[in-house]
C-alpha atoms as a PDB file:
ATOM      1  CA  UNK A   1      12.485   6.422  16.037  1.00  0.00           C
ATOM      2  CA  UNK A   2      16.168   4.936  15.451  1.00  0.00           C
ATOM      3  CA  UNK A   3      17.974   7.211  17.736  1.00  0.00           C
ATOM      4  CA  UNK A   4      15.468   7.117  20.324  1.00  0.00           C
ATOM      5  CA  UNK A   5      12.906   5.240  22.043  1.00  0.00           C
ATOM      6  CA  UNK A   6      10.688   8.068  22.464  1.00  0.00           C
ATOM      7  CA  UNK A   7       8.657   7.364  19.173  1.00  0.00           C
ATOM      8  CA  UNK A   8       6.799   4.320  20.037  1.00  0.00           C
ATOM      9  CA  UNK A   9       5.237   3.710  16.734  1.00  0.00           C
ATOM     10  CA  UNK A  10       5.638   5.635  13.086  1.00  0.00           C
ATOM     11  CA  UNK A  11       3.673   6.078   9.805  1.00  0.00           C
ATOM     12  CA  UNK A  12       4.762   7.825   6.787  1.00  0.00           C
ATOM     13  CA  UNK A  13       2.817   9.201   4.143  1.00  0.00           C
ATOM     14  CA  UNK A  14       4.483   7.957   1.010  1.00  0.00           C
ATOM     15  CA  UNK A  15       8.047   9.031   1.638  1.00  0.00           C
ATOM     16  CA  UNK A  16      10.650   9.871   2.295  1.00  0.00           C
ATOM     17  CA  UNK A  17      11.907   6.926   0.262  1.00  0.00           C
ATOM     18  CA  UNK A  18      11.207   8.117  -3.318  1.00  0.00           C
ATOM     19  CA  UNK A  19      13.887   8.200  -5.668  1.00  0.00           C
ATOM     20  CA  UNK A  20      16.169  11.178  -5.702  1.00  0.00           C
ATOM     21  CA  UNK A  21      14.670  12.121  -2.528  1.00  0.00           C
ATOM     22  CA  UNK A  22      18.106  12.719  -0.545  1.00  0.00           C
ATOM     23  CA  UNK A  23      16.964  10.838   2.387  1.00  0.00           C
ATOM     24  CA  UNK A  24      18.808   8.270   3.644  1.00  0.00           C
ATOM     25  CA  UNK A  25      17.697   4.491   3.286  1.00  0.00           C
ATOM     26  CA  UNK A  26      17.275   3.044   6.871  1.00  0.00           C
ATOM     27  CA  UNK A  27      19.864   0.269   6.894  1.00  0.00           C
ATOM     28  CA  UNK A  28      19.134  -0.609  10.800  1.00  0.00           C
ATOM     29  CA  UNK A  29      16.279  -2.773  12.222  1.00  0.00           C
ATOM     30  CA  UNK A  30      13.348  -1.166  13.766  1.00  0.00           C
ATOM     31  CA  UNK A  31      11.643  -3.565  16.268  1.00  0.00           C
ATOM     32  CA  UNK A  32       8.322  -0.792  16.411  1.00  0.00           C
ATOM     33  CA  UNK A  33       5.098  -0.458  14.693  1.00  0.00           C
ATOM     34  CA  UNK A  34       5.295   1.120  11.289  1.00  0.00           C
ATOM     35  CA  UNK A  35       2.555   2.017   9.074  1.00  0.00           C
ATOM     36  CA  UNK A  36       3.620   2.754   5.351  1.00  0.00           C
ATOM     37  CA  UNK A  37       0.862   4.249   3.349  1.00  0.00           C
ATOM     38  CA  UNK A  38       2.232   4.705  -0.338  1.00  0.00           C
ATOM     39  CA  UNK A  39       0.753   6.110  -3.589  1.00  0.00           C
ATOM     40  CA  UNK A  40       1.720   3.241  -5.582  1.00  0.00           C
ATOM     41  CA  UNK A  41       3.116  -0.269  -5.234  1.00  0.00           C
ATOM     42  CA  UNK A  42       5.717   0.400  -8.095  1.00  0.00           C
ATOM     43  CA  UNK A  43       7.191   2.368  -6.039  1.00  0.00           C
ATOM     44  CA  UNK A  44       6.927   0.715  -2.747  1.00  0.00           C
ATOM     45  CA  UNK A  45       8.645  -2.148  -4.950  1.00  0.00           C
ATOM     46  CA  UNK A  46      11.374  -0.018  -5.503  1.00  0.00           C
ATOM     47  CA  UNK A  47      14.776  -0.765  -3.976  1.00  0.00           C
ATOM     48  CA  UNK A  48      14.668   2.012  -1.416  1.00  0.00           C
ATOM     49  CA  UNK A  49      11.550   0.894  -0.259  1.00  0.00           C
ATOM     50  CA  UNK A  50      12.534  -2.872  -0.156  1.00  0.00           C
ATOM     51  CA  UNK A  51      15.543  -2.143   1.904  1.00  0.00           C
ATOM     52  CA  UNK A  52      13.318  -0.157   4.444  1.00  0.00           C
ATOM     53  CA  UNK A  53      10.702  -2.499   4.774  1.00  0.00           C
ATOM     54  CA  UNK A  54      13.338  -5.649   5.027  1.00  0.00           C
ATOM     55  CA  UNK A  55      14.521  -3.435   8.529  1.00  0.00           C
ATOM     56  CA  UNK A  56      11.171  -3.308   9.468  1.00  0.00           C
ATOM     57  CA  UNK A  57      10.805  -6.019  12.708  1.00  0.00           C
ATOM     58  CA  UNK A  58       7.650  -4.769  14.405  1.00  0.00           C
ATOM     59  CA  UNK A  59       4.432  -4.675  13.644  1.00  0.00           C
ATOM     60  CA  UNK A  60       4.099  -3.239   9.843  1.00  0.00           C
ATOM     61  CA  UNK A  61       1.328  -2.490   7.653  1.00  0.00           C
ATOM     62  CA  UNK A  62       1.443  -0.960   4.234  1.00  0.00           C
ATOM     63  CA  UNK A  63      -1.798   0.348   2.693  1.00  0.00           C
ATOM     64  CA  UNK A  64      -2.046   1.980  -0.945  1.00  0.00           C
ATOM     65  CA  UNK A  65      -5.005   4.155  -2.368  1.00  0.00           C
ATOM     66  CA  UNK A  66      -5.911   2.948  -5.675  1.00  0.00           C
ATOM     67  CA  UNK A  67      -5.744   6.716  -7.977  1.00  0.00           C
ATOM     68  CA  UNK A  68      -3.479   8.251  -4.893  1.00  0.00           C
ATOM     69  CA  UNK A  69      -0.098   9.749  -6.040  1.00  0.00           C
ATOM     70  CA  UNK A  70       2.815  11.920  -3.744  1.00  0.00           C
ATOM     71  CA  UNK A  71       0.537  15.061  -3.363  1.00  0.00           C
ATOM     72  CA  UNK A  72      -2.433  12.789  -2.702  1.00  0.00           C
ATOM     73  CA  UNK A  73      -1.343  12.839   0.965  1.00  0.00           C
ATOM     74  CA  UNK A  74      -1.669  16.391   1.890  1.00  0.00           C
ATOM     75  CA  UNK A  75      -3.700  19.223   1.835  1.00  0.00           C
ATOM     76  CA  UNK A  76      -2.834  19.416  -2.191  1.00  0.00           C
ATOM     77  CA  UNK A  77      -5.284  17.053  -3.136  1.00  0.00           C
ATOM     78  CA  UNK A  78      -8.291  19.186  -2.321  1.00  0.00           C
ATOM     79  CA  UNK A  79      -6.330  22.862  -2.581  1.00  0.00           C
ATOM     80  CA  UNK A  80      -4.549  21.732  -6.533  1.00  0.00           C
ATOM     81  CA  UNK A  81      -8.098  21.423  -8.356  1.00  0.00           C
ATOM     82  CA  UNK A  82      -9.504  24.170  -6.928  1.00  0.00           C
ATOM     83  CA  UNK A  83      -6.263  26.673  -7.703  1.00  0.00           C
ATOM     84  CA  UNK A  84      -5.863  25.031 -10.830  1.00  0.00           C
ATOM     85  CA  UNK A  85      -9.116  25.156 -12.561  1.00  0.00           C
ATOM     86  CA  UNK A  86      -8.880  28.689 -11.604  1.00  0.00           C
ATOM     87  CA  UNK A  87      -5.866  29.299 -13.482  1.00  0.00           C
ATOM     88  CA  UNK A  88      -7.100  27.269 -16.646  1.00  0.00           C
ATOM     89  CA  UNK A  89      -5.485  24.178 -16.073  1.00  0.00           C
ATOM     90  CA  UNK A  90      -6.894  21.233 -18.174  1.00  0.00           C
ATOM     91  CA  UNK A  91      -8.636  17.962 -15.783  1.00  0.00           C
ATOM     92  CA  UNK A  92      -5.752  15.622 -17.168  1.00  0.00           C
ATOM     93  CA  UNK A  93      -3.028  18.431 -15.826  1.00  0.00           C
ATOM     94  CA  UNK A  94      -5.281  18.261 -12.484  1.00  0.00           C
ATOM     95  CA  UNK A  95      -5.128  14.260 -12.628  1.00  0.00           C
ATOM     96  CA  UNK A  96      -1.607  14.596 -13.428  1.00  0.00           C
ATOM     97  CA  UNK A  97      -0.755  16.601 -10.319  1.00  0.00           C
ATOM     98  CA  UNK A  98      -2.999  14.739  -7.576  1.00  0.00           C
ATOM     99  CA  UNK A  99      -3.994  11.459  -9.249  1.00  0.00           C
ATOM    100  CA  UNK A 100      -7.639  10.240  -9.586  1.00  0.00           C
ATOM    101  CA  UNK A 101      -8.508   9.718  -6.454  1.00  0.00           C
ATOM    102  CA  UNK A 102     -11.925  11.662  -5.439  1.00  0.00           C
ATOM    103  CA  UNK A 103     -10.312  14.452  -2.856  1.00  0.00           C
ATOM    104  CA  UNK A 104     -12.734  13.820   0.313  1.00  0.00           C
ATOM    105  CA  UNK A 105     -11.859   9.716  -0.227  1.00  0.00           C
ATOM    106  CA  UNK A 106      -8.179  10.729   0.039  1.00  0.00           C
ATOM    107  CA  UNK A 107      -8.534  12.959   3.414  1.00  0.00           C
ATOM    108  CA  UNK A 108     -10.439  10.432   5.113  1.00  0.00           C
ATOM    109  CA  UNK A 109      -7.755   8.044   3.860  1.00  0.00           C
ATOM    110  CA  UNK A 110      -5.081   9.944   5.408  1.00  0.00           C
ATOM    111  CA  UNK A 111      -6.808  10.665   8.489  1.00  0.00           C
ATOM    112  CA  UNK A 112      -8.404   7.095   9.197  1.00  0.00           C
ATOM    113  CA  UNK A 113      -5.321   4.941   9.068  1.00  0.00           C
ATOM    114  CA  UNK A 114      -3.111   6.514  10.885  1.00  0.00           C
ATOM    115  CA  UNK A 115      -5.747   7.720  13.464  1.00  0.00           C
ATOM    116  CA  UNK A 116      -6.259   3.502  13.560  1.00  0.00           C
ATOM    117  CA  UNK A 117      -2.513   2.811  13.467  1.00  0.00           C
ATOM    118  CA  UNK A 118      -1.972   5.375  16.759  1.00  0.00           C
ATOM    119  CA  UNK A 119      -5.346   4.234  18.431  1.00  0.00           C
ATOM    120  CA  UNK A 120      -3.783   0.619  18.217  1.00  0.00           C
ATOM    121  CA  UNK A 121      -0.484   1.339  19.000  1.00  0.00           C
ATOM    122  CA  UNK A 122      -0.651   4.190  21.809  1.00  0.00           C
ATOM    123  CA  UNK A 123      -4.042   3.525  22.856  1.00  0.00           C
ATOM    124  CA  UNK A 124      -3.709  -0.405  22.839  1.00  0.00           C
ATOM    125  CA  UNK A 125      -7.882   0.198  21.111  1.00  0.00           C
ATOM    126  CA  UNK A 126      -8.125  -2.374  18.262  1.00  0.00           C
ATOM    127  CA  UNK A 127      -8.523  -0.933  14.961  1.00  0.00           C
ATOM    128  CA  UNK A 128     -10.464  -2.969  12.476  1.00  0.00           C
ATOM    129  CA  UNK A 129      -9.767  -0.888   9.847  1.00  0.00           C
ATOM    130  CA  UNK A 130      -6.022  -2.138  10.038  1.00  0.00           C
ATOM    131  CA  UNK A 131      -7.042  -5.855   9.862  1.00  0.00           C
ATOM    132  CA  UNK A 132      -7.312  -5.975   6.093  1.00  0.00           C
ATOM    133  CA  UNK A 133      -9.608  -4.332   3.164  1.00  0.00           C
ATOM    134  CA  UNK A 134     -12.497  -2.477   4.739  1.00  0.00           C
ATOM    135  CA  UNK A 135     -16.017  -1.627   3.178  1.00  0.00           C
ATOM    136  CA  UNK A 136     -15.334   1.473   4.505  1.00  0.00           C
ATOM    137  CA  UNK A 137     -12.465   2.093   2.289  1.00  0.00           C
ATOM    138  CA  UNK A 138     -12.514  -0.232  -0.490  1.00  0.00           C
ATOM    139  CA  UNK A 139      -9.912   1.628  -2.660  1.00  0.00           C
ATOM    140  CA  UNK A 140      -7.244   0.716  -0.436  1.00  0.00           C
ATOM    141  CA  UNK A 141      -5.481  -2.293  -0.798  1.00  0.00           C
ATOM    142  CA  UNK A 142      -3.508  -4.074   1.965  1.00  0.00           C
ATOM    143  CA  UNK A 143       0.224  -5.294   1.916  1.00  0.00           C
ATOM    144  CA  UNK A 144       1.692  -6.601   5.984  1.00  0.00           C
END
């Protein structure tokens, strides 16, 4: 997004601003809409994310799904519990890997929020889901 104007809006699903990820911190201002989906606000309050957040000059929103961890924002949230049980992992081991969020809820969230974001910023269609806490996704907290 920083090197060209072709990308009109961007989402990040819990990354790549994790400590030790090796990804550079954004040090230039970004004037286009950005959706940041985080697994935990403590991560979002870290210095890399705080630096990134400070450079977002356009529309911005951070949402966090309660009980989510980093792998909750991907197919792993459904695959790991299934495979883990077959491999003899305990429920605690599985929870440490994918969080406590229900896998079906995690999938709904990781699909619904980017879709609403792109509807708003690319199709110019109002997306009520982005306005604030929603009964549709009560486990999601907002920071604008």
